[in-house]
């Protein structure tokens, strides 16, 4: 039974660690730009094709 308590405490420590890391990343601006990556992905192939045409 004591192993269950140790695992609960360990899992709470890990969960709090992940929560602190998430809050830190939000405050440091990691999730500020949520539009540009999705748009960049759409036009990435077009840019590669244009580079190949100009190199020939």
PDB file of N, CA and C in Angstrom:
ATOM      1  N   UNK A   1       0.820  -1.199   0.000  1.00  0.00           N
ATOM      2  CA  UNK A   1       0.000   0.000   0.000  1.00  0.00           C
ATOM      3  C   UNK A   1       0.861   1.259   0.000  1.00  0.00           C
ATOM      4  N   UNK A   2       2.033   1.182   0.612  1.00  0.00           N
ATOM      5  CA  UNK A   2       2.880   2.368   0.655  1.00  0.00           C
ATOM      6  C   UNK A   2       3.433   2.707  -0.731  1.00  0.00           C
ATOM      7  N   UNK A   3       3.535   1.700  -1.605  1.00  0.00           N
ATOM      8  CA  UNK A   3       4.004   1.946  -2.966  1.00  0.00           C
ATOM      9  C   UNK A   3       3.010   2.817  -3.720  1.00  0.00           C
ATOM     10  N   UNK A   4       1.723   2.627  -3.461  1.00  0.00           N
ATOM     11  CA  UNK A   4       0.700   3.431  -4.114  1.00  0.00           C
ATOM     12  C   UNK A   4       0.862   4.899  -3.726  1.00  0.00           C
ATOM     13  N   UNK A   5       1.112   5.168  -2.469  1.00  0.00           N
ATOM     14  CA  UNK A   5       1.305   6.548  -2.025  1.00  0.00           C
ATOM     15  C   UNK A   5       2.558   7.157  -2.636  1.00  0.00           C
ATOM     16  N   UNK A   6       3.601   6.381  -2.744  1.00  0.00           N
ATOM     17  CA  UNK A   6       4.835   6.873  -3.365  1.00  0.00           C
ATOM     18  C   UNK A   6       4.586   7.197  -4.835  1.00  0.00           C
ATOM     19  N   UNK A   7       3.848   6.344  -5.539  1.00  0.00           N
ATOM     20  CA  UNK A   7       3.548   6.602  -6.945  1.00  0.00           C
ATOM     21  C   UNK A   7       2.640   7.813  -7.121  1.00  0.00           C
ATOM     22  N   UNK A   8       1.694   8.003  -6.223  1.00  0.00           N
ATOM     23  CA  UNK A   8       0.822   9.185  -6.291  1.00  0.00           C
ATOM     24  C   UNK A   8       1.634  10.453  -6.094  1.00  0.00           C
ATOM     25  N   UNK A   9       2.516  10.453  -5.116  1.00  0.00           N
ATOM     26  CA  UNK A   9       3.355  11.628  -4.865  1.00  0.00           C
ATOM     27  C   UNK A   9       4.277  11.888  -6.050  1.00  0.00           C
ATOM     28  N   UNK A  10       4.867  10.836  -6.581  1.00  0.00           N
ATOM     29  CA  UNK A  10       5.765  10.997  -7.722  1.00  0.00           C
ATOM     30  C   UNK A  10       5.007  11.537  -8.933  1.00  0.00           C
ATOM     31  N   UNK A  11       3.809  11.038  -9.190  1.00  0.00           N
ATOM     32  CA  UNK A  11       3.036  11.516 -10.329  1.00  0.00           C
ATOM     33  C   UNK A  11       2.588  12.960 -10.136  1.00  0.00           C
ATOM     34  N   UNK A  12       2.281  13.340  -8.907  1.00  0.00           N
ATOM     35  CA  UNK A  12       1.929  14.739  -8.655  1.00  0.00           C
ATOM     36  C   UNK A  12       3.126  15.659  -8.867  1.00  0.00           C
ATOM     37  N   UNK A  13       4.303  15.219  -8.486  1.00  0.00           N
ATOM     38  CA  UNK A  13       5.514  16.023  -8.705  1.00  0.00           C
ATOM     39  C   UNK A  13       5.768  16.202 -10.202  1.00  0.00           C
ATOM     40  N   UNK A  14       5.607  15.137 -10.959  1.00  0.00           N
ATOM     41  CA  UNK A  14       5.803  15.219 -12.411  1.00  0.00           C
ATOM     42  C   UNK A  14       4.741  16.128 -13.030  1.00  0.00           C
ATOM     43  N   UNK A  15       3.485  15.993 -12.599  1.00  0.00           N
ATOM     44  CA  UNK A  15       2.401  16.816 -13.134  1.00  0.00           C
ATOM     45  C   UNK A  15       2.630  18.291 -12.832  1.00  0.00           C
ATOM     46  N   UNK A  16       3.063  18.599 -11.632  1.00  0.00           N
ATOM     47  CA  UNK A  16       3.349  19.996 -11.276  1.00  0.00           C
ATOM     48  C   UNK A  16       4.529  20.514 -12.103  1.00  0.00           C
ATOM     49  N   UNK A  17       5.505  19.673 -12.350  1.00  0.00           N
ATOM     50  CA  UNK A  17       6.634  20.073 -13.194  1.00  0.00           C
ATOM     51  C   UNK A  17       6.187  20.420 -14.601  1.00  0.00           C
ATOM     52  N   UNK A  18       5.334  19.592 -15.185  1.00  0.00           N
ATOM     53  CA  UNK A  18       4.817  19.884 -16.518  1.00  0.00           C
ATOM     54  C   UNK A  18       3.945  21.134 -16.524  1.00  0.00           C
ATOM     55  N   UNK A  19       3.180  21.346 -15.472  1.00  0.00           N
ATOM     56  CA  UNK A  19       2.353  22.548 -15.376  1.00  0.00           C
ATOM     57  C   UNK A  19       3.219  23.795 -15.306  1.00  0.00           C
ATOM     58  N   UNK A  20       4.280  23.742 -14.534  1.00  0.00           N
ATOM     59  CA  UNK A  20       5.201  24.885 -14.439  1.00  0.00           C
ATOM     60  C   UNK A  20       5.877  25.140 -15.781  1.00  0.00           C
ATOM     61  N   UNK A  21       6.283  24.075 -16.469  1.00  0.00           N
ATOM     62  CA  UNK A  21       6.912  24.233 -17.789  1.00  0.00           C
ATOM     63  C   UNK A  21       5.929  24.833 -18.789  1.00  0.00           C
ATOM     64  N   UNK A  22       4.672  24.420 -18.738  1.00  0.00           N
ATOM     65  CA  UNK A  22       3.662  24.969 -19.643  1.00  0.00           C
ATOM     66  C   UNK A  22       3.407  26.443 -19.361  1.00  0.00           C
ATOM     67  N   UNK A  23       3.258  26.790 -18.109  1.00  0.00           N
ATOM     68  CA  UNK A  23       3.017  28.196 -17.757  1.00  0.00           C
ATOM     69  C   UNK A  23       4.211  29.054 -18.156  1.00  0.00           C
ATOM     70  N   UNK A  24       5.420  28.553 -17.936  1.00  0.00           N
ATOM     71  CA  UNK A  24       6.622  29.293 -18.333  1.00  0.00           C
ATOM     72  C   UNK A  24       6.677  29.493 -19.843  1.00  0.00           C
ATOM     73  N   UNK A  25       6.319  28.465 -20.607  1.00  0.00           N
ATOM     74  CA  UNK A  25       6.377  28.595 -22.067  1.00  0.00           C
ATOM     75  C   UNK A  25       5.314  29.552 -22.585  1.00  0.00           C
ATOM     76  N   UNK A  26       4.157  29.580 -21.960  1.00  0.00           N
ATOM     77  CA  UNK A  26       3.122  30.524 -22.378  1.00  0.00           C
ATOM     78  C   UNK A  26       3.554  31.945 -22.065  1.00  0.00           C
ATOM     79  N   UNK A  27       4.121  32.167 -20.888  1.00  0.00           N
ATOM     80  CA  UNK A  27       4.551  33.512 -20.512  1.00  0.00           C
ATOM     81  C   UNK A  27       5.744  33.996 -21.325  1.00  0.00           C
ATOM     82  N   UNK A  28       6.564  33.076 -21.825  1.00  0.00           N
ATOM     83  CA  UNK A  28       7.723  33.489 -22.603  1.00  0.00           C
ATOM     84  C   UNK A  28       7.384  33.677 -24.083  1.00  0.00           C
ATOM     85  N   UNK A  29       6.138  33.414 -24.480  1.00  0.00           N
ATOM     86  CA  UNK A  29       5.700  33.706 -25.836  1.00  0.00           C
ATOM     87  C   UNK A  29       5.859  32.577 -26.822  1.00  0.00           C
ATOM     88  N   UNK A  30       5.914  31.350 -26.379  1.00  0.00           N
ATOM     89  CA  UNK A  30       6.074  30.226 -27.288  1.00  0.00           C
ATOM     90  C   UNK A  30       4.848  29.999 -28.161  1.00  0.00           C
ATOM     91  N   UNK A  31       3.686  30.424 -27.709  1.00  0.00           N
ATOM     92  CA  UNK A  31       2.449  30.177 -28.444  1.00  0.00           C
ATOM     93  C   UNK A  31       1.868  31.452 -29.034  1.00  0.00           C
ATOM     94  N   UNK A  32       2.674  32.462 -29.240  1.00  0.00           N
ATOM     95  CA  UNK A  32       2.206  33.731 -29.773  1.00  0.00           C
ATOM     96  C   UNK A  32       1.806  33.618 -31.242  1.00  0.00           C
ATOM     97  N   UNK A  33       2.619  32.966 -32.051  1.00  0.00           N
ATOM     98  CA  UNK A  33       2.405  32.934 -33.487  1.00  0.00           C
ATOM     99  C   UNK A  33       1.712  31.630 -33.875  1.00  0.00           C
ATOM    100  N   UNK A  34       0.382  31.635 -33.852  1.00  0.00           N
ATOM    101  CA  UNK A  34      -0.335  30.409 -34.177  1.00  0.00           C
ATOM    102  C   UNK A  34      -0.889  30.424 -35.597  1.00  0.00           C
ATOM    103  N   UNK A  35      -0.736  31.510 -36.324  1.00  0.00           N
ATOM    104  CA  UNK A  35      -1.268  31.596 -37.680  1.00  0.00           C
ATOM    105  C   UNK A  35      -0.204  31.328 -38.736  1.00  0.00           C
ATOM    106  N   UNK A  36       0.963  31.893 -38.558  1.00  0.00           N
ATOM    107  CA  UNK A  36       1.999  31.826 -39.583  1.00  0.00           C
ATOM    108  C   UNK A  36       2.472  30.410 -39.910  1.00  0.00           C
ATOM    109  N   UNK A  37       2.709  29.515 -38.956  1.00  0.00           N
ATOM    110  CA  UNK A  37       3.186  28.179 -39.331  1.00  0.00           C
ATOM    111  C   UNK A  37       2.213  27.414 -40.236  1.00  0.00           C
ATOM    112  N   UNK A  38       0.921  27.562 -39.996  1.00  0.00           N
ATOM    113  CA  UNK A  38      -0.035  26.855 -40.839  1.00  0.00           C
ATOM    114  C   UNK A  38      -0.054  27.423 -42.249  1.00  0.00           C
ATOM    115  N   UNK A  39       0.092  28.728 -42.384  1.00  0.00           N
ATOM    116  CA  UNK A  39       0.112  29.345 -43.703  1.00  0.00           C
ATOM    117  C   UNK A  39       1.438  29.044 -44.396  1.00  0.00           C
ATOM    118  N   UNK A  40       2.532  29.062 -43.666  1.00  0.00           N
ATOM    119  CA  UNK A  40       3.845  28.771 -44.237  1.00  0.00           C
ATOM    120  C   UNK A  40       3.886  27.355 -44.802  1.00  0.00           C
ATOM    121  N   UNK A  41       3.201  26.426 -44.136  1.00  0.00           N
ATOM    122  CA  UNK A  41       3.167  25.056 -44.607  1.00  0.00           C
ATOM    123  C   UNK A  41       2.471  24.963 -45.966  1.00  0.00           C
ATOM    124  N   UNK A  42       1.461  25.776 -46.189  1.00  0.00           N
ATOM    125  CA  UNK A  42       0.726  25.726 -47.446  1.00  0.00           C
ATOM    126  C   UNK A  42       1.560  26.239 -48.614  1.00  0.00           C
ATOM    127  N   UNK A  43       2.405  27.233 -48.367  1.00  0.00           N
ATOM    128  CA  UNK A  43       3.171  27.843 -49.431  1.00  0.00           C
ATOM    129  C   UNK A  43       4.599  27.328 -49.516  1.00  0.00           C
ATOM    130  N   UNK A  44       4.950  26.352 -48.719  1.00  0.00           N
ATOM    131  CA  UNK A  44       6.310  25.831 -48.711  1.00  0.00           C
ATOM    132  C   UNK A  44       6.654  25.151 -50.027  1.00  0.00           C
ATOM    133  N   UNK A  45       5.749  24.359 -50.558  1.00  0.00           N
ATOM    134  CA  UNK A  45       5.997  23.642 -51.809  1.00  0.00           C
ATOM    135  C   UNK A  45       6.130  24.618 -52.977  1.00  0.00           C
ATOM    136  N   UNK A  46       5.337  25.665 -52.962  1.00  0.00           N
ATOM    137  CA  UNK A  46       5.412  26.667 -54.028  1.00  0.00           C
ATOM    138  C   UNK A  46       6.768  27.361 -54.038  1.00  0.00           C
ATOM    139  N   UNK A  47       7.299  27.651 -52.869  1.00  0.00           N
ATOM    140  CA  UNK A  47       8.611  28.298 -52.779  1.00  0.00           C
ATOM    141  C   UNK A  47       9.711  27.387 -53.311  1.00  0.00           C
ATOM    142  N   UNK A  48       9.626  26.101 -53.035  1.00  0.00           N
ATOM    143  CA  UNK A  48      10.633  25.168 -53.523  1.00  0.00           C
ATOM    144  C   UNK A  48      10.588  25.072 -55.041  1.00  0.00           C
ATOM    145  N   UNK A  49       9.386  25.087 -55.622  1.00  0.00           N
ATOM    146  CA  UNK A  49       9.258  25.018 -57.066  1.00  0.00           C
ATOM    147  C   UNK A  49       9.807  26.275 -57.720  1.00  0.00           C
ATOM    148  N   UNK A  50       9.572  27.426 -57.110  1.00  0.00           N
ATOM    149  CA  UNK A  50      10.100  28.675 -57.651  1.00  0.00           C
ATOM    150  C   UNK A  50      11.625  28.713 -57.593  1.00  0.00           C
ATOM    151  N   UNK A  51      12.207  28.155 -56.574  1.00  0.00           N
ATOM    152  CA  UNK A  51      13.667  28.128 -56.460  1.00  0.00           C
ATOM    153  C   UNK A  51      14.270  27.246 -57.521  1.00  0.00           C
ATOM    154  N   UNK A  52      13.603  26.110 -57.821  1.00  0.00           N
ATOM    155  CA  UNK A  52      14.133  25.211 -58.854  1.00  0.00           C
ATOM    156  C   UNK A  52      14.061  25.855 -60.240  1.00  0.00           C
ATOM    157  N   UNK A  53      13.016  26.634 -60.492  1.00  0.00           N
ATOM    158  CA  UNK A  53      12.859  27.292 -61.789  1.00  0.00           C
ATOM    159  C   UNK A  53      13.921  28.377 -61.981  1.00  0.00           C
ATOM    160  N   UNK A  54      14.225  29.105 -60.913  1.00  0.00           N
ATOM    161  CA  UNK A  54      15.193  30.205 -61.037  1.00  0.00           C
ATOM    162  C   UNK A  54      16.627  29.677 -61.118  1.00  0.00           C
ATOM    163  N   UNK A  55      16.874  28.481 -60.589  1.00  0.00           N
ATOM    164  CA  UNK A  55      18.218  27.910 -60.617  1.00  0.00           C
ATOM    165  C   UNK A  55      18.572  27.321 -61.961  1.00  0.00           C
ATOM    166  N   UNK A  56      17.604  27.018 -62.809  1.00  0.00           N
ATOM    167  CA  UNK A  56      17.866  26.372 -64.103  1.00  0.00           C
ATOM    168  C   UNK A  56      18.342  27.347 -65.140  1.00  0.00           C
TER     169      UNK A  56
END
